[in-house]
Protein backbone atom coordinates (compact mmCIF):
# COMPACT_ATOMS: atom_id res chain seq x y z
CA UNK A 1 3.56 -130.39 55.29
CA UNK A 2 7.25 -129.46 55.28
CA UNK A 3 9.85 -131.41 52.82
CA UNK A 4 13.12 -131.08 51.32
CA UNK A 5 13.25 -129.54 47.84
CA UNK A 6 15.23 -131.11 45.48
CA UNK A 7 16.10 -130.09 42.00
CA UNK A 8 18.25 -132.16 39.60
CA UNK A 9 19.66 -130.39 36.19
CA UNK A 10 20.17 -133.70 34.66
CA UNK A 11 16.65 -135.00 34.64
CA UNK A 12 16.18 -132.49 31.49
CA UNK A 13 17.63 -132.36 28.26
CA UNK A 14 21.50 -132.08 27.87
CA UNK A 15 21.32 -129.13 25.76
CA UNK A 16 20.03 -126.99 28.59
CA UNK A 17 22.14 -128.67 30.99
CA UNK A 18 24.85 -125.95 31.14
CA UNK A 19 22.22 -123.33 31.44
CA UNK A 20 20.47 -125.42 34.52
CA UNK A 21 23.84 -126.12 35.72
CA UNK A 22 24.57 -122.50 36.57
CA UNK A 23 23.94 -120.76 39.75
CA UNK A 24 20.02 -120.47 39.98
CA UNK A 25 20.42 -118.11 43.48
CA UNK A 26 19.39 -115.25 41.39
CA UNK A 27 19.12 -111.57 42.64
CA UNK A 28 15.73 -110.55 44.01
CA UNK A 29 15.99 -107.56 41.40
CA UNK A 30 16.97 -107.31 37.99
CA UNK A 31 20.72 -108.58 38.31
CA UNK A 32 23.18 -108.40 35.68
CA UNK A 33 22.68 -110.64 32.36
CA UNK A 34 25.11 -113.68 32.10
CA UNK A 35 26.56 -112.45 28.90
CA UNK A 36 28.43 -115.94 28.48
CA UNK A 37 25.29 -117.77 28.53
CA UNK A 38 23.28 -115.23 25.63
CA UNK A 39 24.23 -117.52 22.86
CA UNK A 40 23.04 -120.49 24.36
CA UNK A 41 19.93 -118.87 24.98
CA UNK A 42 19.68 -117.79 21.32
CA UNK A 43 20.41 -120.98 19.88
CA UNK A 44 18.12 -123.01 22.30
CA UNK A 45 15.11 -124.21 20.17
CA UNK A 46 12.43 -125.71 21.56
CA UNK A 47 13.13 -129.20 20.12
CA UNK A 48 16.79 -128.81 21.73
CA UNK A 49 14.85 -127.79 25.15
CA UNK A 50 12.72 -130.55 25.37
CA UNK A 51 15.68 -133.18 24.14
CA UNK A 52 13.82 -134.41 21.20
CA UNK A 53 10.60 -135.30 23.24
CA UNK A 54 7.56 -134.74 21.19
CA UNK A 55 6.03 -131.46 22.50
CA UNK A 56 2.68 -131.84 23.47
CA UNK A 57 2.08 -128.22 24.89
CA UNK A 58 3.82 -125.69 22.83
CA UNK A 59 2.98 -122.63 25.54
CA UNK A 60 4.42 -124.79 28.22
CA UNK A 61 7.63 -125.27 26.04
CA UNK A 62 7.81 -121.56 25.41
CA UNK A 63 7.29 -121.01 29.12
CA UNK A 64 10.53 -123.02 29.79
CA UNK A 65 12.24 -120.77 27.54
CA UNK A 66 10.80 -117.57 29.26
CA UNK A 67 12.22 -119.12 32.67
CA UNK A 68 15.51 -119.59 31.33
CA UNK A 69 16.25 -115.88 30.23
CA UNK A 70 14.84 -115.06 33.51
CA UNK A 71 17.14 -117.32 35.43
CA UNK A 72 20.15 -115.54 34.01
CA UNK A 73 18.94 -112.05 33.88
CA UNK A 74 17.58 -111.26 30.52
CA UNK A 75 14.24 -109.96 31.85
CA UNK A 76 13.36 -108.02 28.39
CA UNK A 77 13.61 -111.45 26.41
CA UNK A 78 11.94 -113.33 29.24
CA UNK A 79 9.41 -110.82 28.79
CA UNK A 80 8.92 -110.90 25.32
CA UNK A 81 8.08 -114.64 25.67
CA UNK A 82 5.70 -114.63 28.64
CA UNK A 83 3.71 -111.56 27.35
CA UNK A 84 2.88 -113.89 24.44
CA UNK A 85 1.70 -117.01 26.52
CA UNK A 86 -1.96 -116.50 27.50
CA UNK A 87 -2.18 -119.05 30.34
CA UNK A 88 -2.08 -118.91 34.25
CA UNK A 89 1.60 -120.05 33.92
CA UNK A 90 2.60 -117.25 31.17
CA UNK A 91 1.23 -114.85 33.81
CA UNK A 92 3.26 -116.46 36.42
CA UNK A 93 6.39 -115.97 34.69
CA UNK A 94 5.26 -112.53 33.56
CA UNK A 95 4.51 -111.72 37.20
CA UNK A 96 7.91 -112.77 38.35
CA UNK A 97 9.85 -110.86 35.85
CA UNK A 98 8.11 -107.84 36.98
CA UNK A 99 8.64 -108.64 40.43
CA UNK A 100 12.38 -108.44 39.56
CA UNK A 101 12.27 -105.31 37.39
CA UNK A 102 10.99 -104.20 40.07
CA UNK A 103 7.74 -102.94 39.19
CA UNK A 104 5.70 -104.46 42.17
CA UNK A 105 2.33 -103.07 41.20
CA UNK A 106 2.55 -104.86 38.04
CA UNK A 107 3.78 -108.06 39.22
CA UNK A 108 0.56 -108.35 41.47
CA UNK A 109 -1.37 -107.41 38.31
CA UNK A 110 -0.06 -110.32 36.62
CA UNK A 111 -0.42 -112.76 39.57
CA UNK A 112 -4.13 -111.72 39.87
CA UNK A 113 -4.38 -113.16 36.46
CA UNK A 114 -2.28 -116.48 37.74
CA UNK A 115 -5.08 -117.21 40.35
CA UNK A 116 -4.14 -120.63 42.15
CA UNK A 117 -1.39 -122.42 40.62
CA UNK A 118 -0.44 -126.20 40.97
CA UNK A 119 3.21 -124.98 42.49
CA UNK A 120 1.58 -122.88 45.06
CA UNK A 121 1.27 -126.14 47.62
CA UNK A 122 4.93 -127.34 47.41
CA UNK A 123 6.09 -123.56 47.45
CA UNK A 124 4.57 -122.77 50.69
CA UNK A 125 5.80 -126.30 52.11
CA UNK A 126 9.30 -125.27 50.99
CA UNK A 127 9.29 -121.51 52.19
CA UNK A 128 7.99 -122.96 55.66
CA UNK A 129 11.11 -125.24 55.67
CA UNK A 130 13.68 -122.54 54.73
CA UNK A 131 12.15 -120.20 57.14
CA UNK A 132 13.32 -122.39 59.77
CA UNK A 133 17.16 -121.77 58.66
CA UNK A 134 16.64 -117.88 59.27
CA UNK A 135 15.45 -117.68 62.86
CA UNK A 136 16.58 -113.87 62.77
CA UNK A 137 14.37 -112.97 59.78
CA UNK A 138 11.32 -110.79 60.16
CA UNK A 139 10.10 -112.34 56.89
CA UNK A 140 10.59 -115.86 58.39
CA UNK A 141 7.84 -115.55 60.77
CA UNK A 142 5.22 -114.39 57.80
CA UNK A 143 6.20 -118.21 55.83
CA UNK A 144 5.95 -119.98 59.23
CA UNK A 145 2.38 -118.68 60.17
CA UNK A 146 1.24 -118.76 56.45
CA UNK A 147 -1.27 -121.47 55.89
CA UNK A 148 -1.35 -121.12 52.14
CA UNK A 149 1.02 -119.45 49.93
CA UNK A 150 0.34 -115.60 49.07
CA UNK A 151 2.00 -114.42 46.31
CA UNK A 152 0.98 -110.86 46.94
CA UNK A 153 2.37 -110.94 50.47
CA UNK A 154 5.67 -112.51 48.83
CA UNK A 155 5.53 -109.40 46.38
CA UNK A 156 5.88 -107.05 49.43
CA UNK A 157 8.32 -109.21 51.34
CA UNK A 158 10.73 -109.02 48.32
CA UNK A 159 10.06 -105.19 48.17
CA UNK A 160 10.76 -104.86 51.91
CA UNK A 161 13.69 -106.94 51.61
CA UNK A 162 15.36 -105.46 48.77
CA UNK A 163 15.23 -101.87 50.88
CA UNK A 164 16.45 -103.54 54.43
CA UNK A 165 17.01 -106.67 56.34
CA UNK A 166 20.06 -108.99 55.04
CA UNK A 167 18.37 -112.04 56.50
CA UNK A 168 15.02 -111.29 54.93
CA UNK A 169 17.23 -110.40 51.67
CA UNK A 170 18.59 -114.16 51.72
CA UNK A 171 15.63 -115.88 52.71
CA UNK A 172 13.41 -114.45 50.08
CA UNK A 173 16.17 -115.29 47.53
CA UNK A 174 16.37 -118.84 48.54
CA UNK A 175 12.42 -118.74 48.16
CA UNK A 176 12.44 -117.41 44.91
CA UNK A 177 14.87 -119.60 43.65
CA UNK A 178 12.66 -122.82 44.81
CA UNK A 179 9.68 -120.86 42.97
CA UNK A 180 11.78 -121.02 39.56
CA UNK A 181 12.84 -124.53 40.16
CA UNK A 182 9.09 -125.68 40.72
CA UNK A 183 7.84 -123.64 38.02
CA UNK A 184 10.17 -124.95 35.67
CA UNK A 185 9.80 -128.33 36.19
CA UNK A 186 5.95 -127.76 36.16
CA UNK A 187 6.19 -126.28 32.61
CA UNK A 188 8.99 -128.73 31.48
CA UNK A 189 6.58 -132.19 32.42
CA UNK A 190 3.64 -130.23 30.90
CA UNK A 191 5.38 -129.61 27.88
CA UNK A 192 6.48 -133.02 27.28
CA UNK A 193 3.19 -134.70 28.97
CA UNK A 194 4.97 -136.46 31.51
CA UNK A 195 3.45 -136.92 35.19
CA UNK A 196 3.66 -133.96 37.72
CA UNK A 197 6.75 -134.06 39.57
CA UNK A 198 6.96 -135.49 43.28
CA UNK A 199 6.56 -132.12 44.97
CA UNK A 200 3.47 -131.41 43.20
CA UNK A 201 2.03 -134.87 43.30
CA UNK A 202 2.65 -135.46 47.26
CA UNK A 203 0.14 -132.02 47.51
CA UNK A 204 -2.30 -133.77 45.54
CA UNK A 205 -2.56 -131.08 42.80
CA UNK A 206 -1.81 -131.59 38.86
CA UNK A 207 -3.04 -128.71 37.30
């Protein structure tokens, strides 16, 4: 089911609004750390991140921090957090970090530990929709024909895109942005005991 994905930075705590309101279209590779945001990230305690809401899942709150460090290209700091979260979602952030590093074989190892994840179905739908916007992209054909999200195929496509076609690179970056947004929202809601977001609800999967 195709649908238009939306991400609203104001839906989260005001303490992390500046971090979420920045450009979320990251490089596929490691990128350059955004030095102007380092202090904000360092000062962001879990309670602040959750806007004072009770934290019902500390590992998911920590996963949000791993995601924020990664969003702003601080791969080492993100890695430090995600490798200490021994859950499928912790492995997911860990895998994205290695995909961007880039260490593609290590990324696949961590995605094996993820297994199936609640964001896979909405991510598949979003990728299929985005693929329609890149008719010249060879990677788009993969996303148009996939019947389910394949994180290993996406790793391979990111690896090829970094070495080749501009259209493939742009498409993979857009999909990686949606992946980050879906995963962050999933972690935030789990950390605060909220209902799953609409993208996951519409796919009928909550965990």
